[in-house]
């Protein structure tokens, strides 16, 4: 699984950060970003974080989190 965030869609609601704080955080512009230490440079998510990332993507009010398999 790989993830990405559409910065044009993100409103900084922080739902992703609330649901998966070990994977997402808000930057200084209140935009969601993936925490580099957790996710690989190609966007690959470790298996143990996949369920939370899927919940965060589904819970994003703007559907700004993209998941590819």
Foldseek 3Di string as FASTA:
>chain_A
DFKDFQQVQFPLPCLLCVQQVQFWDADPVSGIDGDPVQAPPRRHHPPVCVVSNVVSCVPRPRSRMDDDD
